Amino acid sequence: MGLYDGIMSALGLGGHSAANPQDAQAHQNVIGSLTKMLADPSSGGLSGLLEKLKAGGLGSAVQSWVGTGANQKVSPDQVRDALGEDHVQEIARDAGVSADKASGGLAALLPSLVDKLTPGGKLPDQSSLSGMIGMLKDQLTRQPPA
C-alpha cells in the first residue's frame, strides 16, 4: 500500500467507503495544505511541525506517531491549542475549509501522516522527505476524493 493509500485508509477514506464525500474532500484539501507546509524549509518542515506540537503539549502523542507502536489519537481542540489559532487558520485558508474542518482534519490526519513519514521510527532526511511528499502530492492531484 502506497503512502497516499495508507493515509486515506487510516482516515477511513480509502476506496469509495467515505460516508461523506465533503469530508473526504476536506481531508484531501488539508493533506494538500499540510504537505505544502512540510515541503517548505522556511516553516521548519516535518521536524519544525513536530517540535511545535511537542511544545504545545502533544509530546507523548508525537512520540507515538514517530515510534513504531500504536498511534495515539488527538482531538481537534488539542491540535488547535498546540499549533495555535493563527497556524490552523492559515492551513484552513490554504485548504479552502473552515478552521473547525482544518483542525478536525489535522487531528485525523497527523497520526497517520507522521507515522508514514517516519519509517522505522526515524525522521527522514530532507531529500527522503521531499521524495515522499512529492509522491503524496502526485497522488493528491490524480485521485478524486472517495
Foldseek 3Di string as FASTA:
>chain_A
DALQQQLCVLLVFHDPRDPDLVLLLLLLLLLVLLLVLLLDVVCVHPVNLLVLLVVLPCVVQSQCLLADHDHDADALVSQCSSNDVVVLVVSCVSSVHDSSSNSRSCRSRVSSNSNSCRPNSHHDDSVSSNVSSVVNVVCSVVDRTD
